[in-house]
Amino acid sequence: MENFKLVEIIVKILSDKKATNIVVIDVSRKSSFTDYLILASGGSLRQLNSLVNDIEDKLAENEVLPKAVEGKQNSDWLLMDYADVVVNVLTEDARERYNIERVWGDCDTVDIKKMI
């Protein structure tokens, strides 16, 4: 599946499941490990797990499987590695604490309005 199409599908899933503050950062010019970082927040650990499970299930229907999923079970930051797309689902507190947007602040963000 094309990288940007995968981004669109994941953003739509996150939006449909009521994730908040969804941001897509194009890191392709600065990173050797991925092209896109997707960040989203959830209101509780239960919602974080639900978001990750939904992404996994819906993408698996199209035979798109993550290389790895980190942080499952009571973590405030879950990471899904789809190679050229990395999904980070965090609680609001964890998002503030780690401030991933600042780390990648010199990269472009993608306008997701047409995706949701």
N, C-alpha and C. Protein backbone atom coordinates (compact mmCIF):
# COMPACT_ATOMS: atom_id res chain seq x y z
N MET A 1 0.85 -1.18 0.00
CA MET A 1 0.00 0.00 0.00
C MET A 1 0.90 1.24 0.00
N GLU A 2 0.52 2.22 -0.77
CA GLU A 2 1.28 3.47 -0.85
C GLU A 2 1.29 4.16 0.52
N ASN A 3 2.41 4.77 0.87
CA ASN A 3 2.58 5.39 2.19
C ASN A 3 1.49 6.42 2.51
N PHE A 4 1.24 7.32 1.57
CA PHE A 4 0.28 8.38 1.88
C PHE A 4 -1.14 7.82 1.99
N LYS A 5 -1.47 6.81 1.22
CA LYS A 5 -2.78 6.16 1.34
C LYS A 5 -2.93 5.53 2.73
N LEU A 6 -1.85 4.93 3.22
CA LEU A 6 -1.86 4.35 4.55
C LEU A 6 -2.09 5.44 5.61
N VAL A 7 -1.43 6.57 5.44
CA VAL A 7 -1.63 7.71 6.34
C VAL A 7 -3.10 8.12 6.35
N GLU A 8 -3.70 8.25 5.18
CA GLU A 8 -5.11 8.66 5.08
C GLU A 8 -6.03 7.69 5.80
N ILE A 9 -5.79 6.41 5.62
CA ILE A 9 -6.64 5.39 6.25
C ILE A 9 -6.50 5.46 7.77
N ILE A 10 -5.28 5.57 8.26
CA ILE A 10 -5.05 5.61 9.71
C ILE A 10 -5.67 6.87 10.32
N VAL A 11 -5.50 8.00 9.66
CA VAL A 11 -6.09 9.24 10.17
C VAL A 11 -7.61 9.12 10.24
N LYS A 12 -8.21 8.53 9.24
CA LYS A 12 -9.67 8.34 9.22
C LYS A 12 -10.12 7.43 10.38
N ILE A 13 -9.40 6.36 10.61
CA ILE A 13 -9.73 5.46 11.72
C ILE A 13 -9.63 6.21 13.05
N LEU A 14 -8.54 6.93 13.24
CA LEU A 14 -8.36 7.68 14.48
C LEU A 14 -9.47 8.71 14.68
N SER A 15 -9.82 9.40 13.62
CA SER A 15 -10.88 10.40 13.70
C SER A 15 -12.23 9.76 14.03
N ASP A 16 -12.53 8.66 13.35
CA ASP A 16 -13.80 7.96 13.58
C ASP A 16 -13.92 7.45 15.01
N LYS A 17 -12.80 7.09 15.61
CA LYS A 17 -12.79 6.56 16.98
C LYS A 17 -12.58 7.65 18.03
N LYS A 18 -12.70 8.92 17.60
CA LYS A 18 -12.68 10.07 18.51
C LYS A 18 -11.32 10.35 19.14
N ALA A 19 -10.23 10.01 18.44
CA ALA A 19 -8.92 10.47 18.89
C ALA A 19 -8.89 11.99 18.76
N THR A 20 -8.10 12.64 19.56
CA THR A 20 -8.02 14.10 19.51
C THR A 20 -6.63 14.53 19.07
N ASN A 21 -6.55 15.79 18.64
CA ASN A 21 -5.27 16.41 18.30
C ASN A 21 -4.43 15.54 17.35
N ILE A 22 -5.05 15.10 16.26
CA ILE A 22 -4.35 14.26 15.28
C ILE A 22 -3.44 15.14 14.43
N VAL A 23 -2.17 14.75 14.37
CA VAL A 23 -1.17 15.50 13.61
C VAL A 23 -0.37 14.50 12.79
N VAL A 24 -0.10 14.87 11.52
CA VAL A 24 0.75 14.06 10.66
C VAL A 24 1.97 14.91 10.31
N ILE A 25 3.14 14.37 10.58
CA ILE A 25 4.39 15.08 10.31
C ILE A 25 5.14 14.33 9.22
N ASP A 26 5.51 15.04 8.16
CA ASP A 26 6.31 14.47 7.08
C ASP A 26 7.78 14.59 7.48
N VAL A 27 8.37 13.47 7.87
CA VAL A 27 9.76 13.47 8.31
C VAL A 27 10.69 12.87 7.26
N SER A 28 10.19 12.67 6.06
CA SER A 28 10.94 11.95 5.02
C SER A 28 12.28 12.59 4.69
N ARG A 29 12.39 13.89 4.81
CA ARG A 29 13.65 14.57 4.48
C ARG A 29 14.65 14.56 5.64
N LYS A 30 14.17 14.23 6.83
CA LYS A 30 15.02 14.29 8.02
C LYS A 30 15.26 12.93 8.67
N SER A 31 14.54 11.92 8.22
CA SER A 31 14.58 10.63 8.90
C SER A 31 14.94 9.51 7.93
N SER A 32 15.71 8.57 8.43
CA SER A 32 16.02 7.39 7.63
C SER A 32 15.15 6.20 8.02
N PHE A 33 14.37 6.34 9.09
CA PHE A 33 13.59 5.20 9.57
C PHE A 33 12.12 5.22 9.16
N THR A 34 11.59 6.36 8.75
CA THR A 34 10.18 6.44 8.36
C THR A 34 9.95 7.71 7.55
N ASP A 35 8.81 7.76 6.88
CA ASP A 35 8.44 8.95 6.11
C ASP A 35 7.44 9.83 6.84
N TYR A 36 6.52 9.20 7.57
CA TYR A 36 5.46 9.95 8.26
C TYR A 36 5.34 9.51 9.71
N LEU A 37 5.15 10.48 10.58
CA LEU A 37 4.78 10.23 11.97
C LEU A 37 3.35 10.71 12.14
N ILE A 38 2.52 9.86 12.69
CA ILE A 38 1.15 10.23 13.02
C ILE A 38 1.06 10.28 14.53
N LEU A 39 0.57 11.39 15.05
CA LEU A 39 0.38 11.57 16.49
C LEU A 39 -1.10 11.76 16.76
N ALA A 40 -1.57 11.13 17.81
CA ALA A 40 -2.98 11.30 18.21
C ALA A 40 -3.07 11.10 19.72
N SER A 41 -4.05 11.76 20.31
CA SER A 41 -4.26 11.65 21.75
C SER A 41 -5.56 10.93 22.05
N GLY A 42 -5.56 10.25 23.19
CA GLY A 42 -6.76 9.59 23.69
C GLY A 42 -6.98 10.01 25.13
N GLY A 43 -8.21 9.91 25.57
CA GLY A 43 -8.57 10.38 26.90
C GLY A 43 -8.28 9.42 28.03
N SER A 44 -8.01 8.16 27.70
CA SER A 44 -7.76 7.16 28.75
C SER A 44 -6.92 6.03 28.17
N LEU A 45 -6.37 5.21 29.05
CA LEU A 45 -5.60 4.06 28.59
C LEU A 45 -6.47 3.10 27.80
N ARG A 46 -7.71 2.97 28.22
CA ARG A 46 -8.65 2.10 27.50
C ARG A 46 -8.86 2.61 26.07
N GLN A 47 -9.01 3.93 25.91
CA GLN A 47 -9.20 4.47 24.57
C GLN A 47 -7.94 4.29 23.72
N LEU A 48 -6.76 4.48 24.31
CA LEU A 48 -5.52 4.26 23.57
C LEU A 48 -5.47 2.85 23.01
N ASN A 49 -5.77 1.87 23.85
CA ASN A 49 -5.76 0.48 23.40
C ASN A 49 -6.80 0.23 22.34
N SER A 50 -7.97 0.83 22.49
CA SER A 50 -9.03 0.69 21.50
C SER A 50 -8.60 1.27 20.15
N LEU A 51 -7.96 2.43 20.17
CA LEU A 51 -7.49 3.06 18.94
C LEU A 51 -6.49 2.16 18.22
N VAL A 52 -5.52 1.65 18.96
CA VAL A 52 -4.50 0.79 18.38
C VAL A 52 -5.12 -0.51 17.85
N ASN A 53 -6.01 -1.11 18.61
CA ASN A 53 -6.65 -2.35 18.17
C ASN A 53 -7.45 -2.12 16.90
N ASP A 54 -8.15 -1.01 16.81
CA ASP A 54 -8.94 -0.70 15.62
C ASP A 54 -8.05 -0.52 14.39
N ILE A 55 -6.96 0.20 14.56
CA ILE A 55 -6.02 0.38 13.44
C ILE A 55 -5.49 -0.98 12.99
N GLU A 56 -5.04 -1.78 13.94
CA GLU A 56 -4.52 -3.11 13.61
C GLU A 56 -5.55 -3.96 12.87
N ASP A 57 -6.75 -4.01 13.40
CA ASP A 57 -7.80 -4.85 12.81
C ASP A 57 -8.17 -4.40 11.40
N LYS A 58 -8.38 -3.10 11.23
CA LYS A 58 -8.82 -2.60 9.92
C LYS A 58 -7.72 -2.73 8.86
N LEU A 59 -6.48 -2.50 9.24
CA LEU A 59 -5.39 -2.64 8.27
C LEU A 59 -5.11 -4.12 7.96
N ALA A 60 -5.28 -4.98 8.95
CA ALA A 60 -5.08 -6.41 8.74
C ALA A 60 -6.06 -6.97 7.70
N GLU A 61 -7.25 -6.36 7.63
CA GLU A 61 -8.22 -6.78 6.61
C GLU A 61 -7.65 -6.63 5.20
N ASN A 62 -6.73 -5.69 5.03
CA ASN A 62 -6.06 -5.46 3.74
C ASN A 62 -4.65 -6.04 3.74
N GLU A 63 -4.39 -6.94 4.67
CA GLU A 63 -3.10 -7.61 4.80
C GLU A 63 -1.94 -6.66 5.04
N VAL A 64 -2.22 -5.57 5.73
CA VAL A 64 -1.18 -4.62 6.15
C VAL A 64 -0.98 -4.83 7.64
N LEU A 65 0.18 -5.35 7.99
CA LEU A 65 0.47 -5.68 9.38
C LEU A 65 1.62 -4.83 9.89
N PRO A 66 1.58 -4.46 11.16
CA PRO A 66 2.68 -3.66 11.72
C PRO A 66 3.93 -4.51 11.88
N LYS A 67 5.07 -3.85 11.74
CA LYS A 67 6.33 -4.53 12.04
C LYS A 67 6.45 -4.75 13.54
N ALA A 68 5.91 -3.80 14.29
CA ALA A 68 5.95 -3.90 15.75
C ALA A 68 4.89 -3.00 16.35
N VAL A 69 4.44 -3.37 17.54
CA VAL A 69 3.55 -2.52 18.35
C VAL A 69 4.18 -2.49 19.74
N GLU A 70 4.49 -1.29 20.20
CA GLU A 70 5.16 -1.13 21.49
C GLU A 70 4.25 -0.42 22.48
N GLY A 71 4.32 -0.85 23.73
CA GLY A 71 3.63 -0.14 24.80
C GLY A 71 2.26 -0.67 25.15
N LYS A 72 1.83 -1.77 24.56
CA LYS A 72 0.50 -2.27 24.90
C LYS A 72 0.42 -2.61 26.38
N GLN A 73 -0.79 -2.59 26.90
CA GLN A 73 -1.06 -2.90 28.30
C GLN A 73 -0.64 -1.78 29.23
N ASN A 74 -1.55 -0.93 29.53
CA ASN A 74 -1.38 0.10 30.57
C ASN A 74 -0.24 1.08 30.35
N SER A 75 0.04 1.41 29.11
CA SER A 75 1.06 2.40 28.81
C SER A 75 0.39 3.68 28.33
N ASP A 76 0.99 4.82 28.63
CA ASP A 76 0.41 6.08 28.19
C ASP A 76 0.94 6.52 26.82
N TRP A 77 1.75 5.65 26.18
CA TRP A 77 2.25 5.92 24.83
C TRP A 77 2.33 4.59 24.09
N LEU A 78 1.53 4.46 23.05
CA LEU A 78 1.56 3.26 22.22
C LEU A 78 2.11 3.64 20.85
N LEU A 79 2.99 2.81 20.34
CA LEU A 79 3.63 3.08 19.06
C LEU A 79 3.40 1.90 18.13
N MET A 80 2.99 2.21 16.91
CA MET A 80 2.79 1.18 15.89
C MET A 80 3.72 1.49 14.73
N ASP A 81 4.54 0.51 14.37
CA ASP A 81 5.54 0.69 13.31
C ASP A 81 5.07 0.00 12.04
N TYR A 82 4.66 0.80 11.07
CA TYR A 82 4.30 0.29 9.75
C TYR A 82 5.39 0.67 8.74
N ALA A 83 6.63 0.64 9.18
CA ALA A 83 7.81 0.97 8.37
C ALA A 83 7.82 2.43 7.96
N ASP A 84 7.22 2.77 6.85
CA ASP A 84 7.26 4.15 6.36
C ASP A 84 6.23 5.05 7.03
N VAL A 85 5.42 4.48 7.90
CA VAL A 85 4.44 5.24 8.68
C VAL A 85 4.52 4.73 10.12
N VAL A 86 4.78 5.64 11.06
CA VAL A 86 4.82 5.28 12.48
C VAL A 86 3.71 6.04 13.18
N VAL A 87 2.88 5.30 13.91
CA VAL A 87 1.73 5.86 14.61
C VAL A 87 2.05 5.93 16.10
N ASN A 88 1.86 7.11 16.68
CA ASN A 88 2.05 7.32 18.12
C ASN A 88 0.71 7.75 18.71
N VAL A 89 0.21 6.95 19.64
CA VAL A 89 -1.05 7.28 20.32
C VAL A 89 -0.72 7.46 21.79
N LEU A 90 -1.00 8.66 22.30
CA LEU A 90 -0.58 9.02 23.65
C LEU A 90 -1.73 9.65 24.43
N THR A 91 -1.62 9.58 25.76
CA THR A 91 -2.51 10.37 26.59
C THR A 91 -2.08 11.83 26.45
N GLU A 92 -2.96 12.74 26.83
CA GLU A 92 -2.61 14.17 26.75
C GLU A 92 -1.39 14.48 27.62
N ASP A 93 -1.32 13.89 28.82
CA ASP A 93 -0.18 14.14 29.71
C ASP A 93 1.13 13.67 29.08
N ALA A 94 1.12 12.48 28.51
CA ALA A 94 2.32 11.95 27.86
C ALA A 94 2.70 12.80 26.65
N ARG A 95 1.70 13.25 25.94
CA ARG A 95 1.96 14.08 24.76
C ARG A 95 2.65 15.38 25.15
N GLU A 96 2.20 15.98 26.23
CA GLU A 96 2.84 17.20 26.73
C GLU A 96 4.27 16.91 27.22
N ARG A 97 4.41 15.82 27.93
CA ARG A 97 5.71 15.48 28.52
C ARG A 97 6.77 15.20 27.45
N TYR A 98 6.43 14.43 26.43
CA TYR A 98 7.41 14.04 25.43
C TYR A 98 7.53 15.06 24.29
N ASN A 99 6.50 15.83 24.05
CA ASN A 99 6.51 16.92 23.08
C ASN A 99 7.18 16.55 21.75
N ILE A 100 6.68 15.50 21.14
CA ILE A 100 7.24 14.99 19.89
C ILE A 100 7.19 16.03 18.78
N GLU A 101 6.13 16.83 18.77
CA GLU A 101 6.03 17.87 17.75
C GLU A 101 7.21 18.84 17.79
N ARG A 102 7.70 19.12 18.97
CA ARG A 102 8.85 20.02 19.10
C ARG A 102 10.11 19.38 18.53
N VAL A 103 10.29 18.10 18.79
CA VAL A 103 11.46 17.38 18.29
C VAL A 103 11.52 17.44 16.77
N TRP A 104 10.36 17.31 16.12
CA TRP A 104 10.28 17.32 14.66
C TRP A 104 9.76 18.65 14.14
N GLY A 105 9.94 19.71 14.90
CA GLY A 105 9.39 21.02 14.58
C GLY A 105 9.88 21.63 13.28
N ASP A 106 11.01 21.16 12.77
CA ASP A 106 11.52 21.70 11.51
C ASP A 106 11.00 20.93 10.29
N CYS A 107 10.07 20.01 10.51
CA CYS A 107 9.46 19.24 9.43
C CYS A 107 8.07 19.78 9.12
N ASP A 108 7.61 19.49 7.92
CA ASP A 108 6.28 19.93 7.50
C ASP A 108 5.19 19.06 8.12
N THR A 109 4.07 19.67 8.45
CA THR A 109 2.89 18.90 8.84
C THR A 109 1.98 18.78 7.63
N VAL A 110 1.18 17.73 7.63
CA VAL A 110 0.26 17.45 6.53
C VAL A 110 -1.12 17.92 6.93
N ASP A 111 -1.78 18.61 6.01
CA ASP A 111 -3.15 19.05 6.25
C ASP A 111 -4.08 17.85 6.19
N ILE A 112 -4.71 17.51 7.30
CA ILE A 112 -5.54 16.30 7.35
C ILE A 112 -7.03 16.59 7.18
N LYS A 113 -7.40 17.82 6.96
CA LYS A 113 -8.82 18.18 6.88
C LYS A 113 -9.58 17.36 5.85
N LYS A 114 -8.96 17.06 4.72
CA LYS A 114 -9.63 16.28 3.67
C LYS A 114 -9.68 14.79 3.98
N MET A 115 -8.93 14.36 4.97
CA MET A 115 -8.88 12.93 5.33
C MET A 115 -9.98 12.53 6.30
N ILE A 116 -10.49 13.51 7.08
CA ILE A 116 -11.44 13.15 8.13
C ILE A 116 -12.85 13.56 7.80
